[in-house]
């Protein structure tokens, strides 16, 4: 299918706006075969993994459009960990996390409910590689299995003595996006005090020029790494001309789609996800 004059490429992708939200649910429903519920009266669409442990919920009537909940066992009242994304979060970024979870159901289901979320530095590594910089918030306090307290140094300050332990903040090169980890004794997990994780993007004066993602303390850093990889991915995303706000036009780089590019959005999405995640079913894993 040829491209249309209304299709544009936006870079960096975290400034592109929401785009087509169907890009989040289409792969798990059409490729992975997840059952889904569409309740127009309640402005609610949900897809649940066949194992019942992963739920992806879109609620159009609330500010936090996306809620991804992971449960240790199907039917648990409270999720083990959860991620929420506001309405203007680019669908490609939310979809990256959903695709990673869907793929791990096949080959690494234990990772989804890991008892220890992992070393925090794994979460922000893709951002540093992409040129994001750490602020002077210098460390994350953790407790090891013996009850001793240890401090994880801020990115770039490994081996340097630090005193502050108020978390990590990493900022994008253009200054519009931050990634934060905030320790809090209210979030105790497996003996370690690790607070919530947040991505915050603000590139204009209106609420439509802002999005954030919040992930709870028990989120395995494996998935934070996949999420930050999607945020930092330099590949432009496709947007229709009328989906691009004036703030995005001012803050991002926008160019026309090359004529040779296929505009079949679902096929493009599948190609992108197969590149992002080698565990994607198109790489040869059996469908369940």
C-alpha atoms as a PDB file:
ATOM      1  CA  UNK A   1       0.000   0.000   0.000  1.00  0.00           C
ATOM      2  CA  UNK A   2       1.511   3.378  -0.921  1.00  0.00           C
ATOM      3  CA  UNK A   3       2.078   6.034   1.680  1.00  0.00           C
ATOM      4  CA  UNK A   4      -0.175   9.083   1.816  1.00  0.00           C
ATOM      5  CA  UNK A   5       0.790  12.779   1.940  1.00  0.00           C
ATOM      6  CA  UNK A   6      -0.743  12.926   5.418  1.00  0.00           C
ATOM      7  CA  UNK A   7       1.791  10.535   6.929  1.00  0.00           C
ATOM      8  CA  UNK A   8       4.795  12.100   8.661  1.00  0.00           C
ATOM      9  CA  UNK A   9       7.767  10.783  10.631  1.00  0.00           C
ATOM     10  CA  UNK A  10       8.329  12.225  14.120  1.00  0.00           C
ATOM     11  CA  UNK A  11      11.586  12.100  16.118  1.00  0.00           C
ATOM     12  CA  UNK A  12      12.198  11.706  19.021  1.00  0.00           C
ATOM     13  CA  UNK A  13       9.289   9.368  19.482  1.00  0.00           C
ATOM     14  CA  UNK A  14       8.559  10.455  23.050  1.00  0.00           C
ATOM     15  CA  UNK A  15       7.375  13.813  21.635  1.00  0.00           C
ATOM     16  CA  UNK A  16       5.086  12.293  18.992  1.00  0.00           C
ATOM     17  CA  UNK A  17       1.800  12.177  20.929  1.00  0.00           C
ATOM     18  CA  UNK A  18      -0.419   9.149  21.425  1.00  0.00           C
ATOM     19  CA  UNK A  19      -0.920   8.118  17.804  1.00  0.00           C
ATOM     20  CA  UNK A  20      -3.103   5.086  17.119  1.00  0.00           C
ATOM     21  CA  UNK A  21      -3.911   3.451  20.454  1.00  0.00           C
ATOM     22  CA  UNK A  22      -4.977   0.293  18.610  1.00  0.00           C
ATOM     23  CA  UNK A  23      -1.253  -0.353  18.165  1.00  0.00           C
ATOM     24  CA  UNK A  24      -1.114  -1.412  21.824  1.00  0.00           C
ATOM     25  CA  UNK A  25      -3.849  -4.056  21.765  1.00  0.00           C
ATOM     26  CA  UNK A  26      -3.806  -5.283  18.159  1.00  0.00           C
ATOM     27  CA  UNK A  27      -0.687  -7.467  18.524  1.00  0.00           C
ATOM     28  CA  UNK A  28      -1.799  -9.289  21.671  1.00  0.00           C
ATOM     29  CA  UNK A  29      -5.318  -9.832  20.338  1.00  0.00           C
ATOM     30  CA  UNK A  30      -4.580 -10.629  16.691  1.00  0.00           C
ATOM     31  CA  UNK A  31      -1.138 -12.237  16.975  1.00  0.00           C
ATOM     32  CA  UNK A  32      -1.057 -13.737  20.464  1.00  0.00           C
ATOM     33  CA  UNK A  33      -4.769 -14.552  20.580  1.00  0.00           C
ATOM     34  CA  UNK A  34      -5.592 -12.874  23.895  1.00  0.00           C
ATOM     35  CA  UNK A  35      -9.300 -12.599  24.671  1.00  0.00           C
ATOM     36  CA  UNK A  36     -10.536  -9.065  25.054  1.00  0.00           C
ATOM     37  CA  UNK A  37     -13.540  -7.158  26.350  1.00  0.00           C
ATOM     38  CA  UNK A  38     -14.915  -4.042  24.676  1.00  0.00           C
ATOM     39  CA  UNK A  39     -17.382  -2.077  26.783  1.00  0.00           C
ATOM     40  CA  UNK A  40     -18.274   1.142  24.909  1.00  0.00           C
ATOM     41  CA  UNK A  41     -20.794   2.147  27.570  1.00  0.00           C
ATOM     42  CA  UNK A  42     -18.073   2.095  30.201  1.00  0.00           C
ATOM     43  CA  UNK A  43     -15.394   3.556  27.906  1.00  0.00           C
ATOM     44  CA  UNK A  44     -13.352   0.480  28.692  1.00  0.00           C
ATOM     45  CA  UNK A  45     -11.347  -1.974  26.601  1.00  0.00           C
ATOM     46  CA  UNK A  46      -9.333  -4.769  28.200  1.00  0.00           C
ATOM     47  CA  UNK A  47      -7.209  -7.668  26.983  1.00  0.00           C
ATOM     48  CA  UNK A  48      -6.169 -10.464  29.327  1.00  0.00           C
ATOM     49  CA  UNK A  49      -3.505 -13.089  28.738  1.00  0.00           C
ATOM     50  CA  UNK A  50      -4.743 -16.699  28.471  1.00  0.00           C
ATOM     51  CA  UNK A  51      -2.917 -17.468  31.723  1.00  0.00           C
ATOM     52  CA  UNK A  52      -4.938 -14.727  33.459  1.00  0.00           C
ATOM     53  CA  UNK A  53      -1.916 -13.041  35.039  1.00  0.00           C
ATOM     54  CA  UNK A  54      -1.514 -10.087  32.660  1.00  0.00           C
ATOM     55  CA  UNK A  55      -4.245  -7.507  32.062  1.00  0.00           C
ATOM     56  CA  UNK A  56      -3.973  -4.545  29.700  1.00  0.00           C
ATOM     57  CA  UNK A  57      -6.755  -2.055  30.364  1.00  0.00           C
ATOM     58  CA  UNK A  58      -7.653   1.114  28.461  1.00  0.00           C
ATOM     59  CA  UNK A  59     -10.114   3.448  30.187  1.00  0.00           C
ATOM     60  CA  UNK A  60     -11.013   6.370  27.932  1.00  0.00           C
ATOM     61  CA  UNK A  61     -12.850   8.334  30.618  1.00  0.00           C
ATOM     62  CA  UNK A  62      -9.836   8.787  32.892  1.00  0.00           C
ATOM     63  CA  UNK A  63      -6.573  10.686  32.624  1.00  0.00           C
ATOM     64  CA  UNK A  64      -4.524   7.513  32.998  1.00  0.00           C
ATOM     65  CA  UNK A  65      -5.618   5.754  29.829  1.00  0.00           C
ATOM     66  CA  UNK A  66      -3.478   2.616  30.168  1.00  0.00           C
ATOM     67  CA  UNK A  67      -3.192   0.337  33.179  1.00  0.00           C
ATOM     68  CA  UNK A  68      -1.096  -2.825  32.909  1.00  0.00           C
ATOM     69  CA  UNK A  69      -1.458  -5.174  35.874  1.00  0.00           C
ATOM     70  CA  UNK A  70       0.613  -8.281  36.621  1.00  0.00           C
ATOM     71  CA  UNK A  71      -0.658 -10.812  39.152  1.00  0.00           C
ATOM     72  CA  UNK A  72       1.193 -13.710  40.717  1.00  0.00           C
ATOM     73  CA  UNK A  73      -1.884 -15.900  40.316  1.00  0.00           C
ATOM     74  CA  UNK A  74      -5.025 -15.373  38.241  1.00  0.00           C
ATOM     75  CA  UNK A  75      -7.749 -13.860  40.355  1.00  0.00           C
ATOM     76  CA  UNK A  76      -5.450 -12.215  42.920  1.00  0.00           C
ATOM     77  CA  UNK A  77      -7.186  -9.114  44.266  1.00  0.00           C
ATOM     78  CA  UNK A  78      -4.025  -7.010  44.137  1.00  0.00           C
ATOM     79  CA  UNK A  79      -1.445  -7.017  41.352  1.00  0.00           C
ATOM     80  CA  UNK A  80       2.168  -7.855  42.124  1.00  0.00           C
ATOM     81  CA  UNK A  81       3.205  -4.850  40.052  1.00  0.00           C
ATOM     82  CA  UNK A  82       1.505  -2.329  37.838  1.00  0.00           C
ATOM     83  CA  UNK A  83       2.258   0.291  35.187  1.00  0.00           C
ATOM     84  CA  UNK A  84       0.029   3.240  34.289  1.00  0.00           C
ATOM     85  CA  UNK A  85       0.390   5.592  31.321  1.00  0.00           C
ATOM     86  CA  UNK A  86      -1.453   8.848  30.699  1.00  0.00           C
ATOM     87  CA  UNK A  87      -3.433   9.476  27.521  1.00  0.00           C
ATOM     88  CA  UNK A  88      -0.756  11.198  25.463  1.00  0.00           C
ATOM     89  CA  UNK A  89       1.855   8.459  25.919  1.00  0.00           C
ATOM     90  CA  UNK A  90       2.979   7.307  22.463  1.00  0.00           C
ATOM     91  CA  UNK A  91       1.327   3.993  21.645  1.00  0.00           C
ATOM     92  CA  UNK A  92       4.681   2.572  20.496  1.00  0.00           C
ATOM     93  CA  UNK A  93       6.112   3.025  24.000  1.00  0.00           C
ATOM     94  CA  UNK A  94       3.170   1.408  25.806  1.00  0.00           C
ATOM     95  CA  UNK A  95       3.119  -1.322  23.151  1.00  0.00           C
ATOM     96  CA  UNK A  96       6.783  -2.150  23.730  1.00  0.00           C
ATOM     97  CA  UNK A  97       6.068  -3.108  27.346  1.00  0.00           C
ATOM     98  CA  UNK A  98       2.933  -5.055  26.420  1.00  0.00           C
ATOM     99  CA  UNK A  99       4.772  -6.945  23.670  1.00  0.00           C
ATOM    100  CA  UNK A 100       7.641  -7.794  26.009  1.00  0.00           C
ATOM    101  CA  UNK A 101       5.225  -9.277  28.542  1.00  0.00           C
ATOM    102  CA  UNK A 102       3.295 -11.170  25.880  1.00  0.00           C
ATOM    103  CA  UNK A 103       6.491 -12.636  24.454  1.00  0.00           C
ATOM    104  CA  UNK A 104       7.867 -13.658  27.854  1.00  0.00           C
ATOM    105  CA  UNK A 105       4.743 -15.727  28.487  1.00  0.00           C
ATOM    106  CA  UNK A 106       6.193 -18.199  26.018  1.00  0.00           C
ATOM    107  CA  UNK A 107       9.813 -18.491  27.025  1.00  0.00           C
ATOM    108  CA  UNK A 108      10.367 -16.792  30.398  1.00  0.00           C
ATOM    109  CA  UNK A 109       7.109 -16.710  32.376  1.00  0.00           C
ATOM    110  CA  UNK A 110       9.023 -16.637  35.652  1.00  0.00           C
ATOM    111  CA  UNK A 111      10.472 -13.230  34.734  1.00  0.00           C
ATOM    112  CA  UNK A 112       7.027 -11.626  34.773  1.00  0.00           C
ATOM    113  CA  UNK A 113       6.617 -12.301  38.509  1.00  0.00           C
ATOM    114  CA  UNK A 114      10.270 -12.289  39.550  1.00  0.00           C
ATOM    115  CA  UNK A 115      10.659 -12.330  43.339  1.00  0.00           C
ATOM    116  CA  UNK A 116      13.426  -9.732  43.218  1.00  0.00           C
ATOM    117  CA  UNK A 117      13.065  -6.969  40.616  1.00  0.00           C
ATOM    118  CA  UNK A 118      16.793  -6.792  39.887  1.00  0.00           C
ATOM    119  CA  UNK A 119      19.620  -4.236  39.971  1.00  0.00           C
ATOM    120  CA  UNK A 120      18.275  -0.704  39.390  1.00  0.00           C
ATOM    121  CA  UNK A 121      21.043   0.315  36.986  1.00  0.00           C
ATOM    122  CA  UNK A 122      19.654  -2.105  34.394  1.00  0.00           C
ATOM    123  CA  UNK A 123      16.597   0.147  34.123  1.00  0.00           C
ATOM    124  CA  UNK A 124      18.355   3.336  33.054  1.00  0.00           C
ATOM    125  CA  UNK A 125      21.210   1.858  30.980  1.00  0.00           C
ATOM    126  CA  UNK A 126      19.489   2.411  27.578  1.00  0.00           C
ATOM    127  CA  UNK A 127      18.963   6.083  28.404  1.00  0.00           C
ATOM    128  CA  UNK A 128      22.623   6.687  29.233  1.00  0.00           C
ATOM    129  CA  UNK A 129      23.616   4.913  26.037  1.00  0.00           C
ATOM    130  CA  UNK A 130      21.312   7.282  24.138  1.00  0.00           C
ATOM    131  CA  UNK A 131      22.971  10.367  25.630  1.00  0.00           C
ATOM    132  CA  UNK A 132      20.620  11.146  28.521  1.00  0.00           C
ATOM    133  CA  UNK A 133      22.393  12.641  31.547  1.00  0.00           C
ATOM    134  CA  UNK A 134      22.120  12.017  35.278  1.00  0.00           C
ATOM    135  CA  UNK A 135      21.439  14.866  37.676  1.00  0.00           C
ATOM    136  CA  UNK A 136      23.122  15.333  41.052  1.00  0.00           C
ATOM    137  CA  UNK A 137      20.556  13.130  42.748  1.00  0.00           C
ATOM    138  CA  UNK A 138      23.142  10.605  43.640  1.00  0.00           C
ATOM    139  CA  UNK A 139      22.006   7.231  44.838  1.00  0.00           C
ATOM    140  CA  UNK A 140      19.468   4.557  45.610  1.00  0.00           C
ATOM    141  CA  UNK A 141      19.499   2.893  49.033  1.00  0.00           C
ATOM    142  CA  UNK A 142      18.921  -0.851  49.098  1.00  0.00           C
ATOM    143  CA  UNK A 143      19.068  -3.495  51.812  1.00  0.00           C
ATOM    144  CA  UNK A 144      20.839  -6.769  51.106  1.00  0.00           C
ATOM    145  CA  UNK A 145      19.814 -10.212  52.324  1.00  0.00           C
ATOM    146  CA  UNK A 146      21.864  -9.858  55.519  1.00  0.00           C
ATOM    147  CA  UNK A 147      20.058  -6.720  56.618  1.00  0.00           C
ATOM    148  CA  UNK A 148      22.925  -4.406  55.689  1.00  0.00           C
ATOM    149  CA  UNK A 149      22.205  -1.188  53.811  1.00  0.00           C
ATOM    150  CA  UNK A 150      24.012  -0.558  50.546  1.00  0.00           C
ATOM    151  CA  UNK A 151      23.897   2.416  48.179  1.00  0.00           C
ATOM    152  CA  UNK A 152      23.787   2.115  44.408  1.00  0.00           C
ATOM    153  CA  UNK A 153      25.768   5.018  42.977  1.00  0.00           C
ATOM    154  CA  UNK A 154      24.255   7.393  40.478  1.00  0.00           C
ATOM    155  CA  UNK A 155      24.978   6.704  36.806  1.00  0.00           C
ATOM    156  CA  UNK A 156      28.470   7.882  35.961  1.00  0.00           C
ATOM    157  CA  UNK A 157      29.548   8.189  39.613  1.00  0.00           C
ATOM    158  CA  UNK A 158      30.341   4.543  40.336  1.00  0.00           C
ATOM    159  CA  UNK A 159      33.050   4.262  42.959  1.00  0.00           C
ATOM    160  CA  UNK A 160      32.667   7.867  44.114  1.00  0.00           C
ATOM    161  CA  UNK A 161      31.625   8.416  47.713  1.00  0.00           C
ATOM    162  CA  UNK A 162      28.085   9.795  47.928  1.00  0.00           C
ATOM    163  CA  UNK A 163      25.883  10.921  50.761  1.00  0.00           C
ATOM    164  CA  UNK A 164      22.479  11.724  49.260  1.00  0.00           C
ATOM    165  CA  UNK A 165      20.177   8.808  48.632  1.00  0.00           C
ATOM    166  CA  UNK A 166      17.140  10.626  47.329  1.00  0.00           C
ATOM    167  CA  UNK A 167      16.937   8.718  44.085  1.00  0.00           C
ATOM    168  CA  UNK A 168      17.952   8.949  40.462  1.00  0.00           C
ATOM    169  CA  UNK A 169      16.899  11.490  37.841  1.00  0.00           C
ATOM    170  CA  UNK A 170      18.038  11.177  34.228  1.00  0.00           C
ATOM    171  CA  UNK A 171      17.174  13.836  31.653  1.00  0.00           C
ATOM    172  CA  UNK A 172      16.883  13.645  27.880  1.00  0.00           C
ATOM    173  CA  UNK A 173      19.281  15.698  25.700  1.00  0.00           C
ATOM    174  CA  UNK A 174      16.493  18.142  24.783  1.00  0.00           C
ATOM    175  CA  UNK A 175      15.443  18.593  28.415  1.00  0.00           C
ATOM    176  CA  UNK A 176      11.801  17.626  27.828  1.00  0.00           C
ATOM    177  CA  UNK A 177      11.867  14.151  29.387  1.00  0.00           C
ATOM    178  CA  UNK A 178      13.010  12.741  32.713  1.00  0.00           C
ATOM    179  CA  UNK A 179      13.301   9.258  34.143  1.00  0.00           C
ATOM    180  CA  UNK A 180      13.174   9.036  37.927  1.00  0.00           C
ATOM    181  CA  UNK A 181      13.455   6.456  40.648  1.00  0.00           C
ATOM    182  CA  UNK A 182      12.372   7.573  44.103  1.00  0.00           C
ATOM    183  CA  UNK A 183      13.247   5.416  47.127  1.00  0.00           C
ATOM    184  CA  UNK A 184      10.558   5.238  49.757  1.00  0.00           C
ATOM    185  CA  UNK A 185      10.251   3.155  52.922  1.00  0.00           C
ATOM    186  CA  UNK A 186       6.576   2.812  52.046  1.00  0.00           C
ATOM    187  CA  UNK A 187       7.588   0.431  49.259  1.00  0.00           C
ATOM    188  CA  UNK A 188       9.350  -2.547  50.796  1.00  0.00           C
ATOM    189  CA  UNK A 189      10.114  -5.453  48.508  1.00  0.00           C
ATOM    190  CA  UNK A 190      12.152  -8.547  49.376  1.00  0.00           C
ATOM    191  CA  UNK A 191      14.091  -6.702  52.069  1.00  0.00           C
ATOM    192  CA  UNK A 192      14.973  -3.731  49.876  1.00  0.00           C
ATOM    193  CA  UNK A 193      13.453  -0.275  49.904  1.00  0.00           C
ATOM    194  CA  UNK A 194      12.768   0.707  46.320  1.00  0.00           C
ATOM    195  CA  UNK A 195      10.236   3.371  45.454  1.00  0.00           C
ATOM    196  CA  UNK A 196       8.247   3.858  42.306  1.00  0.00           C
ATOM    197  CA  UNK A 197       9.627   4.602  38.857  1.00  0.00           C
ATOM    198  CA  UNK A 198       8.412   7.489  36.714  1.00  0.00           C
ATOM    199  CA  UNK A 199       8.892   8.804  33.203  1.00  0.00           C
ATOM    200  CA  UNK A 200       7.717  12.377  32.752  1.00  0.00           C
ATOM    201  CA  UNK A 201       7.596  14.247  29.423  1.00  0.00           C
ATOM    202  CA  UNK A 202       6.541  17.908  29.078  1.00  0.00           C
ATOM    203  CA  UNK A 203       6.993  19.699  25.757  1.00  0.00           C
ATOM    204  CA  UNK A 204       4.252  22.333  25.697  1.00  0.00           C
ATOM    205  CA  UNK A 205       1.865  24.396  27.831  1.00  0.00           C
ATOM    206  CA  UNK A 206      -1.232  22.204  27.466  1.00  0.00           C
ATOM    207  CA  UNK A 207      -2.091  18.935  29.161  1.00  0.00           C
ATOM    208  CA  UNK A 208      -2.040  17.331  25.716  1.00  0.00           C
ATOM    209  CA  UNK A 209       1.658  18.225  25.545  1.00  0.00           C
ATOM    210  CA  UNK A 210       2.480  16.134  28.583  1.00  0.00           C
ATOM    211  CA  UNK A 211       2.549  12.459  29.453  1.00  0.00           C
ATOM    212  CA  UNK A 212       3.877  10.299  32.219  1.00  0.00           C
ATOM    213  CA  UNK A 213       4.303   6.672  33.140  1.00  0.00           C
ATOM    214  CA  UNK A 214       4.412   5.337  36.695  1.00  0.00           C
ATOM    215  CA  UNK A 215       5.558   1.818  37.543  1.00  0.00           C
ATOM    216  CA  UNK A 216       5.322   0.385  41.033  1.00  0.00           C
ATOM    217  CA  UNK A 217       8.223  -0.673  43.212  1.00  0.00           C
ATOM    218  CA  UNK A 218       8.064  -4.390  42.405  1.00  0.00           C
ATOM    219  CA  UNK A 219       8.365  -3.897  38.639  1.00  0.00           C
ATOM    220  CA  UNK A 220      11.195  -6.168  37.403  1.00  0.00           C
ATOM    221  CA  UNK A 221      13.965  -3.977  35.986  1.00  0.00           C
ATOM    222  CA  UNK A 222      13.988  -6.265  32.951  1.00  0.00           C
ATOM    223  CA  UNK A 223      10.767  -4.582  31.808  1.00  0.00           C
ATOM    224  CA  UNK A 224      11.926  -1.124  32.813  1.00  0.00           C
ATOM    225  CA  UNK A 225      14.928  -1.741  30.574  1.00  0.00           C
ATOM    226  CA  UNK A 226      12.658  -2.689  27.674  1.00  0.00           C
ATOM    227  CA  UNK A 227      10.498   0.363  28.339  1.00  0.00           C
ATOM    228  CA  UNK A 228      13.406   2.802  28.450  1.00  0.00           C
ATOM    229  CA  UNK A 229      14.810   1.163  25.318  1.00  0.00           C
ATOM    230  CA  UNK A 230      11.546   2.015  23.569  1.00  0.00           C
ATOM    231  CA  UNK A 231      11.627   5.596  24.877  1.00  0.00           C
ATOM    232  CA  UNK A 232      15.209   6.116  23.677  1.00  0.00           C
ATOM    233  CA  UNK A 233      14.770   4.298  20.360  1.00  0.00           C
ATOM    234  CA  UNK A 234      15.990   6.727  17.656  1.00  0.00           C
ATOM    235  CA  UNK A 235      13.656   5.282  15.032  1.00  0.00           C
ATOM    236  CA  UNK A 236      11.012   7.886  14.064  1.00  0.00           C
ATOM    237  CA  UNK A 237       7.348   6.973  14.421  1.00  0.00           C
ATOM    238  CA  UNK A 238       4.580   7.555  11.880  1.00  0.00           C
ATOM    239  CA  UNK A 239       1.849  10.048  12.633  1.00  0.00           C
ATOM    240  CA  UNK A 240      -0.998  11.396  10.551  1.00  0.00           C
ATOM    241  CA  UNK A 241      -0.666  15.116   9.949  1.00  0.00           C
ATOM    242  CA  UNK A 242      -3.749  15.885  12.061  1.00  0.00           C
ATOM    243  CA  UNK A 243      -2.332  13.881  15.012  1.00  0.00           C
ATOM    244  CA  UNK A 244       0.644  16.214  15.419  1.00  0.00           C
ATOM    245  CA  UNK A 245       0.137  19.080  17.863  1.00  0.00           C
ATOM    246  CA  UNK A 246       1.673  22.524  17.500  1.00  0.00           C
ATOM    247  CA  UNK A 247       3.901  21.771  20.503  1.00  0.00           C
ATOM    248  CA  UNK A 248       5.206  18.618  18.821  1.00  0.00           C
ATOM    249  CA  UNK A 249       5.880  20.593  15.649  1.00  0.00           C
ATOM    250  CA  UNK A 250       7.937  23.064  17.667  1.00  0.00           C
ATOM    251  CA  UNK A 251       9.847  20.503  19.763  1.00  0.00           C
ATOM    252  CA  UNK A 252      10.369  17.514  17.462  1.00  0.00           C
ATOM    253  CA  UNK A 253      11.934  16.817  14.086  1.00  0.00           C
ATOM    254  CA  UNK A 254       9.262  16.078  11.506  1.00  0.00           C
ATOM    255  CA  UNK A 255       9.724  14.899   7.938  1.00  0.00           C
ATOM    256  CA  UNK A 256       7.665  13.249   5.262  1.00  0.00           C
ATOM    257  CA  UNK A 257       7.523   9.482   4.934  1.00  0.00           C
ATOM    258  CA  UNK A 258       9.708   8.174   2.085  1.00  0.00           C
ATOM    259  CA  UNK A 259       7.509   6.961  -0.801  1.00  0.00           C
ATOM    260  CA  UNK A 260       8.919   3.441  -0.540  1.00  0.00           C
ATOM    261  CA  UNK A 261       7.778   2.986   3.063  1.00  0.00           C
ATOM    262  CA  UNK A 262       4.846   0.626   3.530  1.00  0.00           C
ATOM    263  CA  UNK A 263       2.018   2.384   5.363  1.00  0.00           C
ATOM    264  CA  UNK A 264       0.262  -0.793   6.466  1.00  0.00           C
ATOM    265  CA  UNK A 265       0.475   0.175  10.135  1.00  0.00           C
ATOM    266  CA  UNK A 266      -0.113  -3.279  11.567  1.00  0.00           C
ATOM    267  CA  UNK A 267       2.606  -4.828   9.386  1.00  0.00           C
ATOM    268  CA  UNK A 268       4.997  -2.006  10.266  1.00  0.00           C
ATOM    269  CA  UNK A 269       4.203  -2.557  13.944  1.00  0.00           C
ATOM    270  CA  UNK A 270       4.963  -6.254  13.732  1.00  0.00           C
ATOM    271  CA  UNK A 271       8.296  -5.562  12.058  1.00  0.00           C
ATOM    272  CA  UNK A 272       9.208  -3.022  14.720  1.00  0.00           C
ATOM    273  CA  UNK A 273       8.346  -5.339  17.589  1.00  0.00           C
ATOM    274  CA  UNK A 274      10.214  -8.284  16.090  1.00  0.00           C
ATOM    275  CA  UNK A 275      13.276  -6.034  15.920  1.00  0.00           C
ATOM    276  CA  UNK A 276      12.795  -4.751  19.445  1.00  0.00           C
ATOM    277  CA  UNK A 277      12.185  -8.103  21.090  1.00  0.00           C
ATOM    278  CA  UNK A 278      13.774 -11.312  19.781  1.00  0.00           C
ATOM    279  CA  UNK A 279      11.228 -13.329  21.770  1.00  0.00           C
ATOM    280  CA  UNK A 280       8.435 -12.088  19.520  1.00  0.00           C
ATOM    281  CA  UNK A 281       6.365 -15.025  18.128  1.00  0.00           C
ATOM    282  CA  UNK A 282       7.407 -14.098  14.600  1.00  0.00           C
ATOM    283  CA  UNK A 283      10.904 -15.190  15.580  1.00  0.00           C
ATOM    284  CA  UNK A 284       9.710 -18.789  15.774  1.00  0.00           C
ATOM    285  CA  UNK A 285       8.090 -19.252  19.187  1.00  0.00           C
ATOM    286  CA  UNK A 286       4.946 -21.381  19.214  1.00  0.00           C
ATOM    287  CA  UNK A 287       1.563 -19.753  19.640  1.00  0.00           C
ATOM    288  CA  UNK A 288      -0.341 -20.704  22.774  1.00  0.00           C
END
